Structure formats: structure tokens, C-alpha cells
Amino acid sequence: MHAMTIEHQLAEHRTYLVRYAMLQLRNEAWAEDAVSETLLAALSKPQSFGSRSQLKTWLVGILKHKVIDVLRERKREVCLQFDGGDGSEELEALIFKADGHFASQPSDWGNPEQELESQQFFAMLEACAQKLPPALARVFLMREWLELPCEQICSELELTPTNLYVQLHRARLRLRECVDINWFGNQQNAS
């Protein structure tokens, strides 16, 4: 049996790469463009892969840069003005008391490290990320998935550090609620 060509190996990862780009860009055409540019870059310099990591990891590394390029090119088209109309204040009021303590005890999350190994957990987490309002999703994914420094995110999106931290806080609150309801809440009900 002969080894698969690089083209076939790249094609096998295309669906995952498009899903990854869609989470960040929230625009199918932009995501497709970023993935196409990623695959073209990989095809033009396959020697730079060098098998030092998994092919998928290498491709995601290239894609992260392509996503950042798309965000730079399209920043005028991306509405990032956060108007606070996403219900975050109501969510915060339900979760926290006026003194900053939890209104009710959070669910027991068991062993989060073990849960992170579950493909089902990641599918649910991805679904929760897709439910975030676009502005919150974009800053959260840039920080946590693309691992960009806060200074670069502020510069790219023309945000103040305070506005960035508020948006990250609100995104994390929404994700926490979604994970609590859709994953840990279900597991408690099952036991």
C-alpha cells in the first residue's frame, strides 16, 4: 500500500479547518477563503511541515495566521460595537448577588481535566461557542483559541483594554452557563 499524497492528507482535514475558521469568523465565505489560503500555503511549502508535529496541528497553526489576516482585512465589515443588548447584565444578576457572591452554589464540575478528553464534551463546548453573540465570540476565540495577546486583540479590533476584559468576562459567563446546563447539569440528572 502506497503512502497517501499530501493533497489527500490535506483534504482529510478540510472539514475540521472550515469548522474552526467558522467559529472565529462567523462568515462562511471568509472561512472558506482562510482555509483555501491555508491549504495553498501548506501545498506550496510541504517541506516546512517536517513531521515535527501532527499535520492537523501544523495546519491549524497556519490557519490561525490566515484568520488574523482576514480579521485585519475585513475589520470595517465586522460590527464589533458592543451595545450590551445581549442580556449579559440579566445573566450576571441571576448568577451573582449584589455583593459579588454566587446567588446559588454552582454545579459540581467533577474532574474537568478528564472531561476535556471527551470528544462529546468538545462538541458541546463548540456548540456553546456558536451560540455566543458575534462580538463576544470573536474576542473570546481570539484570546482563548487563537491565543492572541490582549494588546494585539485591542489593536486589531480597536478596543480599550477595559472593554476587552468586560467582553471576555461576559463571554466566559455565557459559556459557563451553557456548559453547566448542557453538560454538567445533564450528568447530575443522570446519576
N, C-alpha and C. Protein backbone atom coordinates (compact mmCIF):
# COMPACT_ATOMS: atom_id res chain seq x y z
N MET A 1 0.85 -1.19 0.00
CA MET A 1 0.00 0.00 0.00
C MET A 1 0.89 1.24 0.00
N HIS A 2 0.64 2.15 -0.92
CA HIS A 2 1.48 3.35 -1.01
C HIS A 2 0.98 4.44 -0.09
N ALA A 3 1.87 5.32 0.28
CA ALA A 3 1.53 6.42 1.19
C ALA A 3 0.58 7.38 0.49
N MET A 4 -0.30 7.99 1.29
CA MET A 4 -1.23 8.98 0.77
C MET A 4 -0.47 10.22 0.34
N THR A 5 -0.91 10.84 -0.74
CA THR A 5 -0.27 12.07 -1.17
C THR A 5 -0.62 13.19 -0.20
N ILE A 6 0.19 14.23 -0.22
CA ILE A 6 -0.05 15.37 0.67
C ILE A 6 -1.41 16.00 0.38
N GLU A 7 -1.82 16.00 -0.89
CA GLU A 7 -3.12 16.58 -1.25
C GLU A 7 -4.26 15.84 -0.56
N HIS A 8 -4.19 14.50 -0.55
CA HIS A 8 -5.23 13.71 0.11
C HIS A 8 -5.21 13.92 1.62
N GLN A 9 -4.03 14.02 2.19
CA GLN A 9 -3.92 14.25 3.64
C GLN A 9 -4.52 15.61 4.01
N LEU A 10 -4.25 16.62 3.20
CA LEU A 10 -4.80 17.95 3.47
C LEU A 10 -6.31 17.95 3.31
N ALA A 11 -6.81 17.25 2.29
CA ALA A 11 -8.26 17.19 2.05
C ALA A 11 -8.99 16.55 3.23
N GLU A 12 -8.35 15.60 3.89
CA GLU A 12 -8.97 14.94 5.04
C GLU A 12 -9.22 15.91 6.21
N HIS A 13 -8.42 16.97 6.31
CA HIS A 13 -8.54 17.92 7.41
C HIS A 13 -9.37 19.15 7.07
N ARG A 14 -9.82 19.25 5.82
CA ARG A 14 -10.51 20.45 5.36
C ARG A 14 -11.77 20.76 6.17
N THR A 15 -12.60 19.76 6.42
CA THR A 15 -13.85 19.98 7.15
C THR A 15 -13.59 20.55 8.54
N TYR A 16 -12.62 19.96 9.23
CA TYR A 16 -12.28 20.45 10.56
C TYR A 16 -11.79 21.90 10.49
N LEU A 17 -10.95 22.21 9.50
CA LEU A 17 -10.40 23.56 9.37
C LEU A 17 -11.50 24.58 9.08
N VAL A 18 -12.46 24.22 8.24
CA VAL A 18 -13.57 25.14 7.93
C VAL A 18 -14.39 25.39 9.19
N ARG A 19 -14.68 24.33 9.95
CA ARG A 19 -15.45 24.50 11.19
C ARG A 19 -14.69 25.41 12.17
N TYR A 20 -13.40 25.22 12.27
CA TYR A 20 -12.55 26.05 13.15
C TYR A 20 -12.61 27.51 12.71
N ALA A 21 -12.46 27.75 11.41
CA ALA A 21 -12.48 29.12 10.89
C ALA A 21 -13.87 29.75 11.04
N MET A 22 -14.92 28.97 10.86
CA MET A 22 -16.28 29.49 11.02
C MET A 22 -16.55 29.95 12.45
N LEU A 23 -16.03 29.22 13.41
CA LEU A 23 -16.22 29.62 14.80
C LEU A 23 -15.65 31.01 15.05
N GLN A 24 -14.53 31.29 14.46
CA GLN A 24 -13.88 32.58 14.68
C GLN A 24 -14.46 33.68 13.81
N LEU A 25 -14.68 33.39 12.54
CA LEU A 25 -15.05 34.45 11.60
C LEU A 25 -16.55 34.67 11.46
N ARG A 26 -17.36 33.64 11.74
CA ARG A 26 -18.81 33.75 11.64
C ARG A 26 -19.28 34.20 10.25
N ASN A 27 -18.52 33.81 9.23
CA ASN A 27 -18.87 34.16 7.86
C ASN A 27 -18.34 33.03 6.98
N GLU A 28 -19.25 32.34 6.30
CA GLU A 28 -18.86 31.14 5.55
C GLU A 28 -17.86 31.45 4.44
N ALA A 29 -18.07 32.52 3.71
CA ALA A 29 -17.16 32.86 2.61
C ALA A 29 -15.76 33.19 3.15
N TRP A 30 -15.69 33.94 4.24
CA TRP A 30 -14.39 34.28 4.82
C TRP A 30 -13.69 33.04 5.34
N ALA A 31 -14.46 32.15 5.96
CA ALA A 31 -13.88 30.91 6.50
C ALA A 31 -13.33 30.06 5.36
N GLU A 32 -14.10 29.94 4.28
CA GLU A 32 -13.64 29.16 3.12
C GLU A 32 -12.36 29.77 2.54
N ASP A 33 -12.32 31.10 2.45
CA ASP A 33 -11.12 31.76 1.93
C ASP A 33 -9.91 31.48 2.82
N ALA A 34 -10.10 31.59 4.13
CA ALA A 34 -8.99 31.36 5.06
C ALA A 34 -8.47 29.93 4.96
N VAL A 35 -9.38 28.98 4.83
CA VAL A 35 -8.98 27.57 4.72
C VAL A 35 -8.29 27.33 3.38
N SER A 36 -8.83 27.91 2.31
CA SER A 36 -8.19 27.75 1.00
C SER A 36 -6.77 28.30 1.02
N GLU A 37 -6.59 29.47 1.63
CA GLU A 37 -5.25 30.05 1.72
C GLU A 37 -4.33 29.19 2.59
N THR A 38 -4.89 28.59 3.62
CA THR A 38 -4.11 27.69 4.49
C THR A 38 -3.63 26.49 3.70
N LEU A 39 -4.54 25.87 2.95
CA LEU A 39 -4.18 24.67 2.18
C LEU A 39 -3.19 25.01 1.07
N LEU A 40 -3.37 26.18 0.44
CA LEU A 40 -2.41 26.60 -0.59
C LEU A 40 -1.02 26.83 0.00
N ALA A 41 -0.99 27.44 1.19
CA ALA A 41 0.30 27.67 1.86
C ALA A 41 0.96 26.34 2.20
N ALA A 42 0.16 25.39 2.68
CA ALA A 42 0.71 24.07 3.02
C ALA A 42 1.20 23.35 1.78
N LEU A 43 0.47 23.46 0.68
CA LEU A 43 0.89 22.80 -0.57
C LEU A 43 2.13 23.45 -1.16
N SER A 44 2.26 24.76 -0.99
CA SER A 44 3.40 25.45 -1.59
C SER A 44 4.71 25.18 -0.85
N LYS A 45 4.62 24.83 0.43
CA LYS A 45 5.84 24.55 1.22
C LYS A 45 5.66 23.33 2.12
N PRO A 46 5.42 22.16 1.52
CA PRO A 46 5.22 20.97 2.37
C PRO A 46 6.47 20.60 3.16
N GLN A 47 7.62 21.04 2.68
CA GLN A 47 8.87 20.73 3.39
C GLN A 47 8.94 21.44 4.75
N SER A 48 8.18 22.52 4.92
CA SER A 48 8.21 23.22 6.21
C SER A 48 7.46 22.45 7.30
N PHE A 49 6.66 21.45 6.90
CA PHE A 49 5.97 20.62 7.90
C PHE A 49 6.98 19.78 8.66
N GLY A 50 7.76 19.02 7.97
CA GLY A 50 8.86 18.28 8.59
C GLY A 50 8.46 17.26 9.64
N SER A 51 7.19 16.93 9.77
CA SER A 51 6.71 15.90 10.71
C SER A 51 7.11 16.16 12.16
N ARG A 52 7.32 17.42 12.52
CA ARG A 52 7.66 17.73 13.92
C ARG A 52 6.43 17.69 14.80
N SER A 53 5.27 17.81 14.20
CA SER A 53 4.01 17.75 14.94
C SER A 53 3.02 17.00 14.07
N GLN A 54 1.80 16.88 14.54
CA GLN A 54 0.76 16.27 13.72
C GLN A 54 0.40 17.23 12.61
N LEU A 55 0.00 16.70 11.47
CA LEU A 55 -0.36 17.52 10.32
C LEU A 55 -1.49 18.48 10.69
N LYS A 56 -2.47 18.01 11.42
CA LYS A 56 -3.61 18.84 11.82
C LYS A 56 -3.13 20.03 12.65
N THR A 57 -2.21 19.80 13.58
CA THR A 57 -1.68 20.88 14.42
C THR A 57 -0.96 21.92 13.57
N TRP A 58 -0.17 21.46 12.62
CA TRP A 58 0.55 22.34 11.72
C TRP A 58 -0.43 23.19 10.90
N LEU A 59 -1.48 22.56 10.38
CA LEU A 59 -2.47 23.28 9.58
C LEU A 59 -3.23 24.31 10.41
N VAL A 60 -3.59 23.96 11.63
CA VAL A 60 -4.29 24.92 12.49
C VAL A 60 -3.39 26.11 12.79
N GLY A 61 -2.09 25.85 12.96
CA GLY A 61 -1.14 26.96 13.17
C GLY A 61 -1.14 27.92 12.00
N ILE A 62 -1.16 27.39 10.79
CA ILE A 62 -1.21 28.24 9.59
C ILE A 62 -2.56 28.97 9.54
N LEU A 63 -3.64 28.23 9.83
CA LEU A 63 -4.98 28.81 9.77
C LEU A 63 -5.15 29.96 10.74
N LYS A 64 -4.56 29.86 11.92
CA LYS A 64 -4.65 30.95 12.89
C LYS A 64 -4.15 32.26 12.28
N HIS A 65 -3.03 32.18 11.57
CA HIS A 65 -2.49 33.38 10.93
C HIS A 65 -3.40 33.88 9.81
N LYS A 66 -3.99 32.96 9.06
CA LYS A 66 -4.89 33.35 7.98
C LYS A 66 -6.16 34.01 8.53
N VAL A 67 -6.67 33.50 9.66
CA VAL A 67 -7.85 34.10 10.29
C VAL A 67 -7.54 35.52 10.74
N ILE A 68 -6.38 35.71 11.34
CA ILE A 68 -5.98 37.05 11.77
C ILE A 68 -5.89 37.98 10.56
N ASP A 69 -5.34 37.48 9.45
CA ASP A 69 -5.26 38.29 8.23
C ASP A 69 -6.65 38.70 7.75
N VAL A 70 -7.61 37.75 7.77
CA VAL A 70 -8.97 38.06 7.34
C VAL A 70 -9.59 39.11 8.26
N LEU A 71 -9.38 38.95 9.56
CA LEU A 71 -9.93 39.94 10.50
C LEU A 71 -9.36 41.33 10.24
N ARG A 72 -8.08 41.39 9.93
CA ARG A 72 -7.46 42.69 9.61
C ARG A 72 -8.07 43.29 8.35
N GLU A 73 -8.19 42.45 7.30
CA GLU A 73 -8.71 42.93 6.02
C GLU A 73 -10.17 43.37 6.12
N ARG A 74 -10.93 42.67 6.93
CA ARG A 74 -12.38 42.87 6.96
C ARG A 74 -12.86 43.64 8.18
N LYS A 75 -11.96 44.25 8.93
CA LYS A 75 -12.38 44.82 10.21
C LYS A 75 -13.45 45.89 10.06
N ARG A 76 -13.50 46.55 8.94
CA ARG A 76 -14.56 47.55 8.74
C ARG A 76 -15.91 46.89 8.53
N GLU A 77 -15.88 45.65 8.00
CA GLU A 77 -17.13 44.94 7.74
C GLU A 77 -17.65 44.23 8.98
N VAL A 78 -16.79 44.05 9.98
CA VAL A 78 -17.17 43.32 11.18
C VAL A 78 -17.69 44.31 12.20
N CYS A 79 -18.92 44.15 12.60
CA CYS A 79 -19.52 45.04 13.59
C CYS A 79 -19.13 44.55 14.97
N LEU A 80 -18.24 45.28 15.61
CA LEU A 80 -17.79 44.89 16.94
C LEU A 80 -18.24 45.87 18.01
N GLN A 81 -19.06 46.81 17.65
CA GLN A 81 -19.54 47.76 18.65
C GLN A 81 -20.46 47.02 19.59
N PHE A 82 -20.07 46.92 20.80
CA PHE A 82 -20.81 46.16 21.79
C PHE A 82 -21.83 47.07 22.44
N ASP A 83 -23.10 46.77 22.22
CA ASP A 83 -24.14 47.65 22.75
C ASP A 83 -24.71 47.15 24.07
N GLY A 84 -24.25 46.01 24.55
CA GLY A 84 -24.73 45.49 25.82
C GLY A 84 -26.12 44.91 25.73
N GLY A 85 -26.71 44.84 24.55
CA GLY A 85 -28.06 44.34 24.40
C GLY A 85 -28.14 42.83 24.24
N ASP A 86 -27.20 42.12 24.78
CA ASP A 86 -27.18 40.66 24.62
C ASP A 86 -27.71 39.94 25.85
N GLY A 87 -28.18 40.67 26.83
CA GLY A 87 -28.73 40.04 28.03
C GLY A 87 -27.69 39.68 29.07
N SER A 88 -26.44 40.10 28.91
CA SER A 88 -25.38 39.73 29.85
C SER A 88 -25.63 40.29 31.24
N GLU A 89 -26.19 41.51 31.31
CA GLU A 89 -26.45 42.10 32.62
C GLU A 89 -27.47 41.26 33.39
N GLU A 90 -28.51 40.80 32.68
CA GLU A 90 -29.52 39.96 33.33
C GLU A 90 -28.91 38.65 33.80
N LEU A 91 -28.04 38.07 32.98
CA LEU A 91 -27.37 36.83 33.34
C LEU A 91 -26.52 37.03 34.58
N GLU A 92 -25.75 38.12 34.62
CA GLU A 92 -24.93 38.41 35.79
C GLU A 92 -25.79 38.59 37.03
N ALA A 93 -26.95 39.25 36.88
CA ALA A 93 -27.83 39.46 38.03
C ALA A 93 -28.40 38.14 38.54
N LEU A 94 -28.62 37.18 37.66
CA LEU A 94 -29.13 35.88 38.08
C LEU A 94 -28.05 35.03 38.75
N ILE A 95 -26.82 35.17 38.30
CA ILE A 95 -25.74 34.33 38.81
C ILE A 95 -25.15 34.89 40.09
N PHE A 96 -25.03 36.23 40.18
CA PHE A 96 -24.35 36.85 41.32
C PHE A 96 -25.29 37.72 42.15
N LYS A 97 -25.02 37.77 43.44
CA LYS A 97 -25.71 38.71 44.33
C LYS A 97 -25.00 40.06 44.22
N ALA A 98 -25.58 41.08 44.82
CA ALA A 98 -25.01 42.43 44.77
C ALA A 98 -23.61 42.47 45.38
N ASP A 99 -23.33 41.58 46.35
CA ASP A 99 -22.01 41.59 46.99
C ASP A 99 -20.96 40.82 46.20
N GLY A 100 -21.34 40.28 45.02
CA GLY A 100 -20.38 39.57 44.17
C GLY A 100 -20.32 38.08 44.40
N HIS A 101 -21.00 37.55 45.39
CA HIS A 101 -21.02 36.12 45.64
C HIS A 101 -22.07 35.45 44.74
N PHE A 102 -21.90 34.14 44.53
CA PHE A 102 -22.86 33.40 43.73
C PHE A 102 -24.24 33.44 44.40
N ALA A 103 -25.29 33.61 43.59
CA ALA A 103 -26.66 33.60 44.10
C ALA A 103 -27.03 32.19 44.56
N SER A 104 -26.58 31.18 43.83
CA SER A 104 -26.76 29.79 44.25
C SER A 104 -25.46 29.05 43.96
N GLN A 105 -25.23 28.00 44.70
CA GLN A 105 -23.99 27.25 44.57
C GLN A 105 -23.86 26.69 43.15
N PRO A 106 -22.72 26.90 42.49
CA PRO A 106 -22.53 26.33 41.15
C PRO A 106 -22.56 24.81 41.20
N SER A 107 -22.89 24.20 40.07
CA SER A 107 -22.89 22.74 39.98
C SER A 107 -21.48 22.21 40.18
N ASP A 108 -21.40 20.98 40.68
CA ASP A 108 -20.11 20.32 40.83
C ASP A 108 -19.63 19.89 39.45
N TRP A 109 -18.50 20.40 39.04
CA TRP A 109 -17.98 20.08 37.72
C TRP A 109 -17.10 18.84 37.73
N GLY A 110 -17.02 18.14 38.83
CA GLY A 110 -16.27 16.89 38.88
C GLY A 110 -14.81 17.08 38.54
N ASN A 111 -14.34 16.35 37.56
CA ASN A 111 -12.94 16.39 37.14
C ASN A 111 -12.85 17.01 35.74
N PRO A 112 -12.71 18.35 35.64
CA PRO A 112 -12.70 18.99 34.32
C PRO A 112 -11.59 18.49 33.40
N GLU A 113 -10.43 18.13 33.95
CA GLU A 113 -9.34 17.65 33.11
C GLU A 113 -9.75 16.37 32.39
N GLN A 114 -10.45 15.49 33.09
CA GLN A 114 -10.91 14.24 32.48
C GLN A 114 -11.97 14.53 31.42
N GLU A 115 -12.86 15.48 31.70
CA GLU A 115 -13.92 15.82 30.76
C GLU A 115 -13.35 16.39 29.46
N LEU A 116 -12.24 17.13 29.56
CA LEU A 116 -11.65 17.73 28.37
C LEU A 116 -11.17 16.70 27.36
N GLU A 117 -10.97 15.48 27.80
CA GLU A 117 -10.54 14.43 26.89
C GLU A 117 -11.71 13.84 26.10
N SER A 118 -12.91 14.19 26.45
CA SER A 118 -14.09 13.64 25.82
C SER A 118 -14.44 14.40 24.54
N GLN A 119 -14.60 13.68 23.44
CA GLN A 119 -14.98 14.32 22.18
C GLN A 119 -16.39 14.90 22.27
N GLN A 120 -17.25 14.24 23.04
CA GLN A 120 -18.61 14.75 23.21
C GLN A 120 -18.59 16.09 23.93
N PHE A 121 -17.70 16.22 24.91
CA PHE A 121 -17.60 17.49 25.63
C PHE A 121 -17.17 18.60 24.68
N PHE A 122 -16.18 18.32 23.83
CA PHE A 122 -15.72 19.35 22.90
C PHE A 122 -16.80 19.72 21.89
N ALA A 123 -17.59 18.75 21.46
CA ALA A 123 -18.68 19.06 20.54
C ALA A 123 -19.70 19.98 21.21
N MET A 124 -20.00 19.71 22.49
CA MET A 124 -20.94 20.55 23.22
C MET A 124 -20.34 21.94 23.45
N LEU A 125 -19.06 22.02 23.80
CA LEU A 125 -18.40 23.31 24.02
C LEU A 125 -18.40 24.13 22.73
N GLU A 126 -18.15 23.47 21.61
CA GLU A 126 -18.18 24.17 20.32
C GLU A 126 -19.59 24.70 20.03
N ALA A 127 -20.61 23.90 20.33
CA ALA A 127 -21.99 24.35 20.14
C ALA A 127 -22.29 25.56 21.03
N CYS A 128 -21.78 25.54 22.26
CA CYS A 128 -21.98 26.69 23.16
C CYS A 128 -21.29 27.92 22.60
N ALA A 129 -20.08 27.76 22.07
CA ALA A 129 -19.35 28.90 21.50
C ALA A 129 -20.09 29.47 20.30
N GLN A 130 -20.76 28.62 19.53
CA GLN A 130 -21.51 29.10 18.37
C GLN A 130 -22.73 29.91 18.79
N LYS A 131 -23.23 29.69 20.00
CA LYS A 131 -24.40 30.43 20.48
C LYS A 131 -24.04 31.81 21.03
N LEU A 132 -22.76 32.07 21.24
CA LEU A 132 -22.36 33.38 21.75
C LEU A 132 -22.70 34.46 20.73
N PRO A 133 -23.06 35.66 21.20
CA PRO A 133 -23.23 36.77 20.26
C PRO A 133 -21.91 37.00 19.51
N PRO A 134 -21.97 37.40 18.25
CA PRO A 134 -20.76 37.51 17.43
C PRO A 134 -19.61 38.31 18.05
N ALA A 135 -19.91 39.46 18.64
CA ALA A 135 -18.84 40.29 19.22
C ALA A 135 -18.16 39.56 20.37
N LEU A 136 -18.94 38.92 21.23
CA LEU A 136 -18.36 38.19 22.35
C LEU A 136 -17.58 36.98 21.87
N ALA A 137 -18.14 36.27 20.89
CA ALA A 137 -17.47 35.08 20.36
C ALA A 137 -16.12 35.45 19.75
N ARG A 138 -16.09 36.53 19.01
CA ARG A 138 -14.87 36.89 18.32
C ARG A 138 -13.74 37.18 19.31
N VAL A 139 -14.00 38.00 20.34
CA VAL A 139 -12.93 38.33 21.28
C VAL A 139 -12.53 37.10 22.09
N PHE A 140 -13.51 36.28 22.48
CA PHE A 140 -13.21 35.08 23.26
C PHE A 140 -12.34 34.11 22.45
N LEU A 141 -12.73 33.88 21.22
CA LEU A 141 -11.98 32.93 20.39
C LEU A 141 -10.60 33.46 20.02
N MET A 142 -10.50 34.77 19.81
CA MET A 142 -9.17 35.34 19.52
C MET A 142 -8.25 35.14 20.71
N ARG A 143 -8.79 35.32 21.91
CA ARG A 143 -7.97 35.21 23.12
C ARG A 143 -7.68 33.75 23.49
N GLU A 144 -8.71 32.91 23.51
CA GLU A 144 -8.57 31.56 24.03
C GLU A 144 -8.20 30.52 22.98
N TRP A 145 -8.66 30.65 21.74
CA TRP A 145 -8.37 29.64 20.73
C TRP A 145 -7.20 30.04 19.85
N LEU A 146 -7.17 31.32 19.48
CA LEU A 146 -6.03 31.79 18.68
C LEU A 146 -4.86 32.18 19.57
N GLU A 147 -5.13 32.32 20.87
CA GLU A 147 -4.11 32.63 21.88
C GLU A 147 -3.37 33.93 21.59
N LEU A 148 -4.11 34.91 21.10
CA LEU A 148 -3.51 36.21 20.83
C LEU A 148 -3.37 36.99 22.13
N PRO A 149 -2.31 37.77 22.27
CA PRO A 149 -2.19 38.62 23.46
C PRO A 149 -3.27 39.71 23.45
N CYS A 150 -3.67 40.12 24.64
CA CYS A 150 -4.74 41.13 24.77
C CYS A 150 -4.39 42.41 24.02
N GLU A 151 -3.13 42.82 24.08
CA GLU A 151 -2.72 44.05 23.41
C GLU A 151 -2.99 43.96 21.90
N GLN A 152 -2.71 42.79 21.31
CA GLN A 152 -2.92 42.63 19.88
C GLN A 152 -4.41 42.64 19.54
N ILE A 153 -5.22 42.00 20.38
CA ILE A 153 -6.67 41.98 20.14
C ILE A 153 -7.22 43.41 20.21
N CYS A 154 -6.80 44.16 21.22
CA CYS A 154 -7.25 45.55 21.35
C CYS A 154 -6.86 46.36 20.13
N SER A 155 -5.65 46.15 19.66
CA SER A 155 -5.16 46.88 18.49
C SER A 155 -5.94 46.48 17.23
N GLU A 156 -6.11 45.18 17.03
CA GLU A 156 -6.79 44.69 15.83
C GLU A 156 -8.25 45.14 15.78
N LEU A 157 -8.92 45.13 16.93
CA LEU A 157 -10.36 45.40 16.96
C LEU A 157 -10.69 46.81 17.45
N GLU A 158 -9.64 47.61 17.71
CA GLU A 158 -9.81 48.98 18.17
C GLU A 158 -10.67 49.02 19.44
N LEU A 159 -10.31 48.20 20.42
CA LEU A 159 -10.99 48.14 21.70
C LEU A 159 -10.08 48.67 22.78
N THR A 160 -10.67 49.19 23.83
CA THR A 160 -9.87 49.56 25.01
C THR A 160 -9.67 48.28 25.81
N PRO A 161 -8.60 48.21 26.60
CA PRO A 161 -8.40 47.01 27.44
C PRO A 161 -9.60 46.74 28.35
N THR A 162 -10.19 47.77 28.90
CA THR A 162 -11.35 47.59 29.77
C THR A 162 -12.51 46.95 29.01
N ASN A 163 -12.80 47.44 27.81
CA ASN A 163 -13.88 46.89 27.00
C ASN A 163 -13.59 45.43 26.66
N LEU A 164 -12.34 45.13 26.33
CA LEU A 164 -11.96 43.75 26.03
C LEU A 164 -12.21 42.85 27.23
N TYR A 165 -11.77 43.26 28.40
CA TYR A 165 -11.93 42.43 29.60
C TYR A 165 -13.41 42.24 29.94
N VAL A 166 -14.22 43.28 29.75
CA VAL A 166 -15.66 43.14 30.00
C VAL A 166 -16.26 42.13 29.04
N GLN A 167 -15.89 42.21 27.76
CA GLN A 167 -16.43 41.28 26.78
C GLN A 167 -15.97 39.85 27.05
N LEU A 168 -14.70 39.69 27.43
CA LEU A 168 -14.21 38.35 27.76
C LEU A 168 -14.95 37.79 28.98
N HIS A 169 -15.18 38.63 29.97
CA HIS A 169 -15.90 38.20 31.17
C HIS A 169 -17.31 37.74 30.80
N ARG A 170 -17.99 38.52 29.99
CA ARG A 170 -19.36 38.17 29.60
C ARG A 170 -19.39 36.90 28.76
N ALA A 171 -18.43 36.74 27.88
CA ALA A 171 -18.37 35.52 27.07
C ALA A 171 -18.15 34.30 27.96
N ARG A 172 -17.24 34.42 28.92
CA ARG A 172 -16.98 33.30 29.83
C ARG A 172 -18.20 32.97 30.68
N LEU A 173 -18.94 33.99 31.12
CA LEU A 173 -20.16 33.75 31.88
C LEU A 173 -21.17 32.96 31.06
N ARG A 174 -21.36 33.38 29.82
CA ARG A 174 -22.32 32.69 28.96
C ARG A 174 -21.88 31.26 28.68
N LEU A 175 -20.59 31.06 28.42
CA LEU A 175 -20.10 29.70 28.19
C LEU A 175 -20.25 28.85 29.44
N ARG A 176 -19.95 29.43 30.58
CA ARG A 176 -20.08 28.70 31.85
C ARG A 176 -21.52 28.24 32.05
N GLU A 177 -22.47 29.15 31.79
CA GLU A 177 -23.88 28.80 31.94
C GLU A 177 -24.27 27.68 30.98
N CYS A 178 -23.84 27.80 29.74
CA CYS A 178 -24.17 26.81 28.72
C CYS A 178 -23.57 25.44 29.06
N VAL A 179 -22.30 25.43 29.47
CA VAL A 179 -21.64 24.17 29.85
C VAL A 179 -22.32 23.58 31.08
N ASP A 180 -22.64 24.43 32.03
CA ASP A 180 -23.29 23.96 33.26
C ASP A 180 -24.63 23.29 32.94
N ILE A 181 -25.41 23.91 32.07
CA ILE A 181 -26.73 23.37 31.73
C ILE A 181 -26.62 22.14 30.84
N ASN A 182 -25.80 22.23 29.79
CA ASN A 182 -25.77 21.20 28.75
C ASN A 182 -24.84 20.03 29.01
N TRP A 183 -23.93 20.17 29.95
CA TRP A 183 -23.02 19.06 30.20
C TRP A 183 -23.08 18.60 31.65
N PHE A 184 -22.71 19.46 32.55
CA PHE A 184 -22.64 19.04 33.95
C PHE A 184 -24.02 18.88 34.56
N GLY A 185 -24.98 19.69 34.16
CA GLY A 185 -26.35 19.55 34.64
C GLY A 185 -26.96 18.22 34.22
N ASN A 186 -26.69 17.82 32.96
CA ASN A 186 -27.20 16.54 32.46
C ASN A 186 -26.59 15.36 33.19
N GLN A 187 -25.29 15.48 33.54
CA GLN A 187 -24.64 14.36 34.21
C GLN A 187 -25.16 14.20 35.62
N GLN A 188 -25.50 15.30 36.27
CA GLN A 188 -26.05 15.20 37.63
C GLN A 188 -27.44 14.56 37.58
N ASN A 189 -28.21 14.92 36.55
CA ASN A 189 -29.55 14.35 36.41
C ASN A 189 -29.48 12.85 36.10
N ALA A 190 -28.40 12.43 35.43
CA ALA A 190 -28.27 11.02 35.06
C ALA A 190 -27.88 10.17 36.25
N SER A 191 -27.26 10.79 37.27
CA SER A 191 -26.83 9.98 38.40
C SER A 191 -27.86 9.90 39.50
